[in-house]
Amino acid sequence: TLSRIAYRELTSPIVWPNWVPTRHNREKLAAMRVLDDVVWRIVKARRADGTDHGDLLSRLMAAVDEDGDGGRLTDEQVRNETMTLLLA
């Protein structure tokens, strides 16, 4: 759904802001909520599990800020990075 919507927006001469309640925007926002819910559910489950699954999500969760405070990414940062990769 989001790929179809992105293509439609890229080829359309007019793209309404998300706050305009068009059928297209309602569909896009609903699809974004579904994707966001799925990603949050996976991030929280993985954080609770604590197991390294050898994948990109495990690497994001284990990443350490070596140049800064030495902290790890927050769940929100992991979610944001995951969403960026999925939508790229």
PDB file of N, CA and C in Angstrom:
ATOM      1  N   THR A   1       0.827  -1.193   0.000  1.00  0.00           N
ATOM      2  CA  THR A   1       0.000   0.000   0.000  1.00  0.00           C
ATOM      3  C   THR A   1       0.868   1.252   0.000  1.00  0.00           C
ATOM      4  N   LEU A   2       1.878   1.269   0.874  1.00  0.00           N
ATOM      5  CA  LEU A   2       2.720   2.462   0.948  1.00  0.00           C
ATOM      6  C   LEU A   2       3.554   2.652  -0.312  1.00  0.00           C
ATOM      7  N   SER A   3       3.984   1.586  -0.928  1.00  0.00           N
ATOM      8  CA  SER A   3       4.723   1.714  -2.193  1.00  0.00           C
ATOM      9  C   SER A   3       3.827   2.288  -3.283  1.00  0.00           C
ATOM     10  N   ARG A   4       2.604   1.805  -3.348  1.00  0.00           N
ATOM     11  CA  ARG A   4       1.649   2.303  -4.338  1.00  0.00           C
ATOM     12  C   ARG A   4       1.373   3.792  -4.112  1.00  0.00           C
ATOM     13  N   ILE A   5       1.201   4.163  -2.846  1.00  0.00           N
ATOM     14  CA  ILE A   5       0.926   5.559  -2.504  1.00  0.00           C
ATOM     15  C   ILE A   5       2.132   6.439  -2.829  1.00  0.00           C
ATOM     16  N   ALA A   6       3.329   5.966  -2.513  1.00  0.00           N
ATOM     17  CA  ALA A   6       4.536   6.739  -2.803  1.00  0.00           C
ATOM     18  C   ALA A   6       4.676   6.961  -4.300  1.00  0.00           C
ATOM     19  N   TYR A   7       4.395   5.924  -5.089  1.00  0.00           N
ATOM     20  CA  TYR A   7       4.470   6.071  -6.547  1.00  0.00           C
ATOM     21  C   TYR A   7       3.439   7.096  -7.029  1.00  0.00           C
ATOM     22  N   ARG A   8       2.238   6.994  -6.480  1.00  0.00           N
ATOM     23  CA  ARG A   8       1.174   7.927  -6.878  1.00  0.00           C
ATOM     24  C   ARG A   8       1.576   9.363  -6.548  1.00  0.00           C
ATOM     25  N   GLU A   9       2.179   9.562  -5.384  1.00  0.00           N
ATOM     26  CA  GLU A   9       2.592  10.915  -4.989  1.00  0.00           C
ATOM     27  C   GLU A   9       3.743  11.429  -5.852  1.00  0.00           C
ATOM     28  N   LEU A  10       4.647  10.537  -6.234  1.00  0.00           N
ATOM     29  CA  LEU A  10       5.771  10.954  -7.070  1.00  0.00           C
ATOM     30  C   LEU A  10       5.342  11.344  -8.476  1.00  0.00           C
ATOM     31  N   THR A  11       4.263  10.748  -8.951  1.00  0.00           N
ATOM     32  CA  THR A  11       3.827  11.008 -10.322  1.00  0.00           C
ATOM     33  C   THR A  11       2.666  11.999 -10.410  1.00  0.00           C
ATOM     34  N   SER A  12       2.172  12.435  -9.269  1.00  0.00           N
ATOM     35  CA  SER A  12       1.034  13.349  -9.257  1.00  0.00           C
ATOM     36  C   SER A  12       1.504  14.806  -9.312  1.00  0.00           C
ATOM     37  N   PRO A  13       0.826  15.638 -10.085  1.00  0.00           N
ATOM     38  CA  PRO A  13       1.208  17.053 -10.124  1.00  0.00           C
ATOM     39  C   PRO A  13       0.841  17.792  -8.834  1.00  0.00           C
ATOM     40  N   ILE A  14      -0.117  17.263  -8.088  1.00  0.00           N
ATOM     41  CA  ILE A  14      -0.533  17.878  -6.823  1.00  0.00           C
ATOM     42  C   ILE A  14      -0.537  16.809  -5.729  1.00  0.00           C
ATOM     43  N   VAL A  15       0.143  17.111  -4.636  1.00  0.00           N
ATOM     44  CA  VAL A  15       0.137  16.220  -3.474  1.00  0.00           C
ATOM     45  C   VAL A  15      -0.381  17.028  -2.297  1.00  0.00           C
ATOM     46  N   TRP A  16      -1.525  16.607  -1.790  1.00  0.00           N
ATOM     47  CA  TRP A  16      -2.127  17.306  -0.655  1.00  0.00           C
ATOM     48  C   TRP A  16      -1.373  16.977   0.628  1.00  0.00           C
ATOM     49  N   PRO A  17      -1.225  17.949   1.538  1.00  0.00           N
ATOM     50  CA  PRO A  17      -0.594  17.666   2.832  1.00  0.00           C
ATOM     51  C   PRO A  17      -1.371  16.569   3.569  1.00  0.00           C
ATOM     52  N   ASN A  18      -0.680  15.836   4.431  1.00  0.00           N
ATOM     53  CA  ASN A  18      -1.313  14.718   5.153  1.00  0.00           C
ATOM     54  C   ASN A  18      -2.511  15.147   5.985  1.00  0.00           C
ATOM     55  N   TRP A  19      -2.546  16.388   6.427  1.00  0.00           N
ATOM     56  CA  TRP A  19      -3.648  16.822   7.289  1.00  0.00           C
ATOM     57  C   TRP A  19      -4.940  17.077   6.519  1.00  0.00           C
ATOM     58  N   VAL A  20      -4.861  17.146   5.188  1.00  0.00           N
ATOM     59  CA  VAL A  20      -6.075  17.309   4.385  1.00  0.00           C
ATOM     60  C   VAL A  20      -6.762  15.937   4.308  1.00  0.00           C
ATOM     61  N   PRO A  21      -8.023  15.847   4.735  1.00  0.00           N
ATOM     62  CA  PRO A  21      -8.673  14.533   4.865  1.00  0.00           C
ATOM     63  C   PRO A  21      -9.188  13.947   3.538  1.00  0.00           C
ATOM     64  N   THR A  22      -8.270  13.728   2.618  1.00  0.00           N
ATOM     65  CA  THR A  22      -8.659  13.080   1.362  1.00  0.00           C
ATOM     66  C   THR A  22      -8.686  11.563   1.576  1.00  0.00           C
ATOM     67  N   ARG A  23      -9.336  10.850   0.669  1.00  0.00           N
ATOM     68  CA  ARG A  23      -9.358   9.384   0.745  1.00  0.00           C
ATOM     69  C   ARG A  23      -7.933   8.843   0.689  1.00  0.00           C
ATOM     70  N   HIS A  24      -7.141   9.428  -0.188  1.00  0.00           N
ATOM     71  CA  HIS A  24      -5.740   9.032  -0.352  1.00  0.00           C
ATOM     72  C   HIS A  24      -4.957   9.208   0.957  1.00  0.00           C
ATOM     73  N   ASN A  25      -5.111  10.359   1.608  1.00  0.00           N
ATOM     74  CA  ASN A  25      -4.387  10.624   2.858  1.00  0.00           C
ATOM     75  C   ASN A  25      -4.856   9.716   3.989  1.00  0.00           C
ATOM     76  N   ARG A  26      -6.157   9.460   4.053  1.00  0.00           N
ATOM     77  CA  ARG A  26      -6.655   8.550   5.092  1.00  0.00           C
ATOM     78  C   ARG A  26      -6.077   7.146   4.903  1.00  0.00           C
ATOM     79  N   GLU A  27      -6.008   6.702   3.649  1.00  0.00           N
ATOM     80  CA  GLU A  27      -5.439   5.390   3.343  1.00  0.00           C
ATOM     81  C   GLU A  27      -3.953   5.347   3.713  1.00  0.00           C
ATOM     82  N   LYS A  28      -3.230   6.412   3.368  1.00  0.00           N
ATOM     83  CA  LYS A  28      -1.797   6.473   3.673  1.00  0.00           C
ATOM     84  C   LYS A  28      -1.557   6.470   5.181  1.00  0.00           C
ATOM     85  N   LEU A  29      -2.286   7.289   5.916  1.00  0.00           N
ATOM     86  CA  LEU A  29      -2.097   7.361   7.358  1.00  0.00           C
ATOM     87  C   LEU A  29      -2.464   6.052   8.049  1.00  0.00           C
ATOM     88  N   ALA A  30      -3.504   5.379   7.553  1.00  0.00           N
ATOM     89  CA  ALA A  30      -3.887   4.076   8.120  1.00  0.00           C
ATOM     90  C   ALA A  30      -2.776   3.048   7.881  1.00  0.00           C
ATOM     91  N   ALA A  31      -2.204   3.038   6.676  1.00  0.00           N
ATOM     92  CA  ALA A  31      -1.116   2.109   6.368  1.00  0.00           C
ATOM     93  C   ALA A  31       0.120   2.414   7.207  1.00  0.00           C
ATOM     94  N   MET A  32       0.402   3.687   7.413  1.00  0.00           N
ATOM     95  CA  MET A  32       1.541   4.069   8.257  1.00  0.00           C
ATOM     96  C   MET A  32       1.331   3.616   9.705  1.00  0.00           C
ATOM     97  N   ARG A  33       0.098   3.725  10.200  1.00  0.00           N
ATOM     98  CA  ARG A  33      -0.185   3.269  11.568  1.00  0.00           C
ATOM     99  C   ARG A  33       0.023   1.763  11.696  1.00  0.00           C
ATOM    100  N   VAL A  34      -0.413   1.013  10.703  1.00  0.00           N
ATOM    101  CA  VAL A  34      -0.225  -0.442  10.729  1.00  0.00           C
ATOM    102  C   VAL A  34       1.259  -0.777  10.759  1.00  0.00           C
ATOM    103  N   LEU A  35       2.031  -0.162   9.859  1.00  0.00           N
ATOM    104  CA  LEU A  35       3.467  -0.418   9.824  1.00  0.00           C
ATOM    105  C   LEU A  35       4.132  -0.005  11.127  1.00  0.00           C
ATOM    106  N   ASP A  36       3.767   1.140  11.652  1.00  0.00           N
ATOM    107  CA  ASP A  36       4.333   1.617  12.910  1.00  0.00           C
ATOM    108  C   ASP A  36       4.019   0.656  14.053  1.00  0.00           C
ATOM    109  N   ASP A  37       2.790   0.163  14.115  1.00  0.00           N
ATOM    110  CA  ASP A  37       2.409  -0.791  15.168  1.00  0.00           C
ATOM    111  C   ASP A  37       3.221  -2.079  15.069  1.00  0.00           C
ATOM    112  N   VAL A  38       3.410  -2.567  13.850  1.00  0.00           N
ATOM    113  CA  VAL A  38       4.183  -3.802  13.649  1.00  0.00           C
ATOM    114  C   VAL A  38       5.632  -3.596  14.082  1.00  0.00           C
ATOM    115  N   VAL A  39       6.229  -2.495  13.659  1.00  0.00           N
ATOM    116  CA  VAL A  39       7.628  -2.232  14.005  1.00  0.00           C
ATOM    117  C   VAL A  39       7.784  -2.072  15.519  1.00  0.00           C
ATOM    118  N   TRP A  40       6.888  -1.324  16.157  1.00  0.00           N
ATOM    119  CA  TRP A  40       6.960  -1.163  17.618  1.00  0.00           C
ATOM    120  C   TRP A  40       6.848  -2.511  18.324  1.00  0.00           C
ATOM    121  N   ARG A  41       5.915  -3.353  17.862  1.00  0.00           N
ATOM    122  CA  ARG A  41       5.723  -4.664  18.483  1.00  0.00           C
ATOM    123  C   ARG A  41       6.998  -5.511  18.374  1.00  0.00           C
ATOM    124  N   ILE A  42       7.645  -5.473  17.216  1.00  0.00           N
ATOM    125  CA  ILE A  42       8.878  -6.245  17.018  1.00  0.00           C
ATOM    126  C   ILE A  42      10.009  -5.692  17.881  1.00  0.00           C
ATOM    127  N   VAL A  43      10.162  -4.371  17.909  1.00  0.00           N
ATOM    128  CA  VAL A  43      11.231  -3.755  18.710  1.00  0.00           C
ATOM    129  C   VAL A  43      11.052  -4.096  20.186  1.00  0.00           C
ATOM    130  N   LYS A  44       9.854  -3.965  20.697  1.00  0.00           N
ATOM    131  CA  LYS A  44       9.613  -4.260  22.121  1.00  0.00           C
ATOM    132  C   LYS A  44       9.837  -5.731  22.435  1.00  0.00           C
ATOM    133  N   ALA A  45       9.408  -6.615  21.553  1.00  0.00           N
ATOM    134  CA  ALA A  45       9.607  -8.054  21.778  1.00  0.00           C
ATOM    135  C   ALA A  45      11.087  -8.399  21.759  1.00  0.00           C
ATOM    136  N   ARG A  46      11.810  -7.825  20.822  1.00  0.00           N
ATOM    137  CA  ARG A  46      13.243  -8.098  20.746  1.00  0.00           C
ATOM    138  C   ARG A  46      13.986  -7.550  21.955  1.00  0.00           C
ATOM    139  N   ARG A  47      13.591  -6.350  22.401  1.00  0.00           N
ATOM    140  CA  ARG A  47      14.253  -5.757  23.565  1.00  0.00           C
ATOM    141  C   ARG A  47      14.004  -6.629  24.800  1.00  0.00           C
ATOM    142  N   ALA A  48      12.792  -7.132  24.936  1.00  0.00           N
ATOM    143  CA  ALA A  48      12.469  -7.993  26.081  1.00  0.00           C
ATOM    144  C   ALA A  48      13.200  -9.326  25.985  1.00  0.00           C
ATOM    145  N   ASP A  49      13.357  -9.854  24.787  1.00  0.00           N
ATOM    146  CA  ASP A  49      14.020 -11.138  24.552  1.00  0.00           C
ATOM    147  C   ASP A  49      15.511 -11.042  24.850  1.00  0.00           C
ATOM    148  N   GLY A  50      16.146  -9.996  24.321  1.00  0.00           N
ATOM    149  CA  GLY A  50      17.564  -9.773  24.577  1.00  0.00           C
ATOM    150  C   GLY A  50      18.502 -10.685  23.801  1.00  0.00           C
ATOM    151  N   THR A  51      17.980 -11.539  22.940  1.00  0.00           N
ATOM    152  CA  THR A  51      18.804 -12.463  22.171  1.00  0.00           C
ATOM    153  C   THR A  51      19.313 -11.796  20.899  1.00  0.00           C
ATOM    154  N   ASP A  52      20.589 -12.042  20.583  1.00  0.00           N
ATOM    155  CA  ASP A  52      21.151 -11.548  19.332  1.00  0.00           C
ATOM    156  C   ASP A  52      20.743 -12.525  18.234  1.00  0.00           C
ATOM    157  N   HIS A  53      19.923 -12.052  17.306  1.00  0.00           N
ATOM    158  CA  HIS A  53      19.434 -12.891  16.218  1.00  0.00           C
ATOM    159  C   HIS A  53      20.336 -12.812  14.990  1.00  0.00           C
ATOM    160  N   GLY A  54      21.422 -12.058  15.095  1.00  0.00           N
ATOM    161  CA  GLY A  54      22.369 -11.955  13.995  1.00  0.00           C
ATOM    162  C   GLY A  54      21.860 -11.161  12.811  1.00  0.00           C
ATOM    163  N   ASP A  55      20.877 -10.297  13.037  1.00  0.00           N
ATOM    164  CA  ASP A  55      20.311  -9.508  11.946  1.00  0.00           C
ATOM    165  C   ASP A  55      20.520  -8.021  12.210  1.00  0.00           C
ATOM    166  N   LEU A  56      20.034  -7.213  11.283  1.00  0.00           N
ATOM    167  CA  LEU A  56      20.226  -5.767  11.388  1.00  0.00           C
ATOM    168  C   LEU A  56      19.552  -5.182  12.620  1.00  0.00           C
ATOM    169  N   LEU A  57      18.388  -5.681  12.968  1.00  0.00           N
ATOM    170  CA  LEU A  57      17.694  -5.175  14.157  1.00  0.00           C
ATOM    171  C   LEU A  57      18.519  -5.446  15.412  1.00  0.00           C
ATOM    172  N   SER A  58      19.107  -6.622  15.516  1.00  0.00           N
ATOM    173  CA  SER A  58      19.966  -6.931  16.660  1.00  0.00           C
ATOM    174  C   SER A  58      21.169  -6.001  16.705  1.00  0.00           C
ATOM    175  N   ARG A  59      21.711  -5.690  15.538  1.00  0.00           N
ATOM    176  CA  ARG A  59      22.859  -4.770  15.489  1.00  0.00           C
ATOM    177  C   ARG A  59      22.469  -3.371  15.933  1.00  0.00           C
ATOM    178  N   LEU A  60      21.299  -2.915  15.512  1.00  0.00           N
ATOM    179  CA  LEU A  60      20.832  -1.595  15.942  1.00  0.00           C
ATOM    180  C   LEU A  60      20.663  -1.554  17.459  1.00  0.00           C
ATOM    181  N   MET A  61      20.109  -2.619  18.008  1.00  0.00           N
ATOM    182  CA  MET A  61      19.873  -2.652  19.458  1.00  0.00           C
ATOM    183  C   MET A  61      21.170  -2.750  20.254  1.00  0.00           C
ATOM    184  N   ALA A  62      22.198  -3.336  19.655  1.00  0.00           N
ATOM    185  CA  ALA A  62      23.470  -3.499  20.348  1.00  0.00           C
ATOM    186  C   ALA A  62      24.436  -2.338  20.087  1.00  0.00           C
ATOM    187  N   ALA A  63      24.095  -1.460  19.159  1.00  0.00           N
ATOM    188  CA  ALA A  63      25.000  -0.364  18.796  1.00  0.00           C
ATOM    189  C   ALA A  63      25.293   0.526  20.003  1.00  0.00           C
ATOM    190  N   VAL A  64      26.547   0.957  20.096  1.00  0.00           N
ATOM    191  CA  VAL A  64      26.996   1.821  21.189  1.00  0.00           C
ATOM    192  C   VAL A  64      27.556   3.104  20.598  1.00  0.00           C
ATOM    193  N   ASP A  65      27.213   4.232  21.202  1.00  0.00           N
ATOM    194  CA  ASP A  65      27.711   5.537  20.768  1.00  0.00           C
ATOM    195  C   ASP A  65      29.123   5.716  21.329  1.00  0.00           C
ATOM    196  N   GLU A  66      30.116   5.279  20.554  1.00  0.00           N
ATOM    197  CA  GLU A  66      31.503   5.319  21.029  1.00  0.00           C
ATOM    198  C   GLU A  66      32.072   6.729  21.096  1.00  0.00           C
ATOM    199  N   ASP A  67      31.553   7.637  20.273  1.00  0.00           N
ATOM    200  CA  ASP A  67      32.059   9.012  20.270  1.00  0.00           C
ATOM    201  C   ASP A  67      31.331   9.907  21.260  1.00  0.00           C
ATOM    202  N   GLY A  68      30.192   9.455  21.744  1.00  0.00           N
ATOM    203  CA  GLY A  68      29.384  10.265  22.654  1.00  0.00           C
ATOM    204  C   GLY A  68      29.432   9.715  24.062  1.00  0.00           C
ATOM    205  N   ASP A  69      28.244   9.473  24.597  1.00  0.00           N
ATOM    206  CA  ASP A  69      28.144   9.057  25.995  1.00  0.00           C
ATOM    207  C   ASP A  69      28.269   7.550  26.206  1.00  0.00           C
ATOM    208  N   GLY A  70      28.479   6.793  25.147  1.00  0.00           N
ATOM    209  CA  GLY A  70      28.623   5.343  25.282  1.00  0.00           C
ATOM    210  C   GLY A  70      27.309   4.619  25.449  1.00  0.00           C
ATOM    211  N   GLY A  71      26.209   5.350  25.301  1.00  0.00           N
ATOM    212  CA  GLY A  71      24.893   4.742  25.474  1.00  0.00           C
ATOM    213  C   GLY A  71      24.429   4.000  24.231  1.00  0.00           C
ATOM    214  N   ARG A  72      23.359   3.286  24.409  1.00  0.00           N
ATOM    215  CA  ARG A  72      22.756   2.539  23.309  1.00  0.00           C
ATOM    216  C   ARG A  72      21.585   3.335  22.744  1.00  0.00           C
ATOM    217  N   LEU A  73      21.116   2.928  21.561  1.00  0.00           N
ATOM    218  CA  LEU A  73      19.950   3.565  20.967  1.00  0.00           C
ATOM    219  C   LEU A  73      18.716   3.291  21.825  1.00  0.00           C
ATOM    220  N   THR A  74      17.878   4.288  21.961  1.00  0.00           N
ATOM    221  CA  THR A  74      16.609   4.084  22.654  1.00  0.00           C
ATOM    222  C   THR A  74      15.688   3.278  21.742  1.00  0.00           C
ATOM    223  N   ASP A  75      14.600   2.760  22.304  1.00  0.00           N
ATOM    224  CA  ASP A  75      13.630   2.037  21.490  1.00  0.00           C
ATOM    225  C   ASP A  75      13.081   2.932  20.381  1.00  0.00           C
ATOM    226  N   GLU A  76      12.878   4.199  20.699  1.00  0.00           N
ATOM    227  CA  GLU A  76      12.371   5.127  19.691  1.00  0.00           C
ATOM    228  C   GLU A  76      13.377   5.313  18.552  1.00  0.00           C
ATOM    229  N   GLN A  77      14.654   5.409  18.886  1.00  0.00           N
ATOM    230  CA  GLN A  77      15.674   5.542  17.849  1.00  0.00           C
ATOM    231  C   GLN A  77      15.762   4.277  16.990  1.00  0.00           C
ATOM    232  N   VAL A  78      15.666   3.116  17.634  1.00  0.00           N
ATOM    233  CA  VAL A  78      15.669   1.853  16.885  1.00  0.00           C
ATOM    234  C   VAL A  78      14.459   1.806  15.965  1.00  0.00           C
ATOM    235  N   ARG A  79      13.305   2.208  16.460  1.00  0.00           N
ATOM    236  CA  ARG A  79      12.088   2.250  15.640  1.00  0.00           C
ATOM    237  C   ARG A  79      12.265   3.177  14.461  1.00  0.00           C
ATOM    238  N   ASN A  80      12.818   4.371  14.697  1.00  0.00           N
ATOM    239  CA  ASN A  80      13.016   5.346  13.628  1.00  0.00           C
ATOM    240  C   ASN A  80      13.968   4.818  12.557  1.00  0.00           C
ATOM    241  N   GLU A  81      15.067   4.215  12.967  1.00  0.00           N
ATOM    242  CA  GLU A  81      16.027   3.664  12.011  1.00  0.00           C
ATOM    243  C   GLU A  81      15.413   2.524  11.221  1.00  0.00           C
ATOM    244  N   THR A  82      14.635   1.692  11.891  1.00  0.00           N
ATOM    245  CA  THR A  82      13.971   0.561  11.227  1.00  0.00           C
ATOM    246  C   THR A  82      12.966   1.060  10.204  1.00  0.00           C
ATOM    247  N   MET A  83      12.172   2.060  10.570  1.00  0.00           N
ATOM    248  CA  MET A  83      11.196   2.621   9.637  1.00  0.00           C
ATOM    249  C   MET A  83      11.907   3.222   8.428  1.00  0.00           C
ATOM    250  N   THR A  84      13.011   3.908   8.652  1.00  0.00           N
ATOM    251  CA  THR A  84      13.765   4.491   7.541  1.00  0.00           C
ATOM    252  C   THR A  84      14.233   3.408   6.583  1.00  0.00           C
ATOM    253  N   LEU A  85      14.764   2.328   7.125  1.00  0.00           N
ATOM    254  CA  LEU A  85      15.248   1.238   6.271  1.00  0.00           C
ATOM    255  C   LEU A  85      14.097   0.554   5.522  1.00  0.00           C
ATOM    256  N   LEU A  86      12.975   0.365   6.172  1.00  0.00           N
ATOM    257  CA  LEU A  86      11.849  -0.281   5.523  1.00  0.00           C
ATOM    258  C   LEU A  86      11.250   0.575   4.409  1.00  0.00           C
ATOM    259  N   LEU A  87      11.243   1.869   4.603  1.00  0.00           N
ATOM    260  CA  LEU A  87      10.611   2.751   3.631  1.00  0.00           C
ATOM    261  C   LEU A  87      11.570   3.246   2.550  1.00  0.00           C
ATOM    262  N   ALA A  88      12.862   2.964   2.731  1.00  0.00           N
ATOM    263  CA  ALA A  88      13.853   3.460   1.765  1.00  0.00           C
ATOM    264  C   ALA A  88      13.739   2.778   0.411  1.00  0.00           C
TER     265      ALA A  88
END
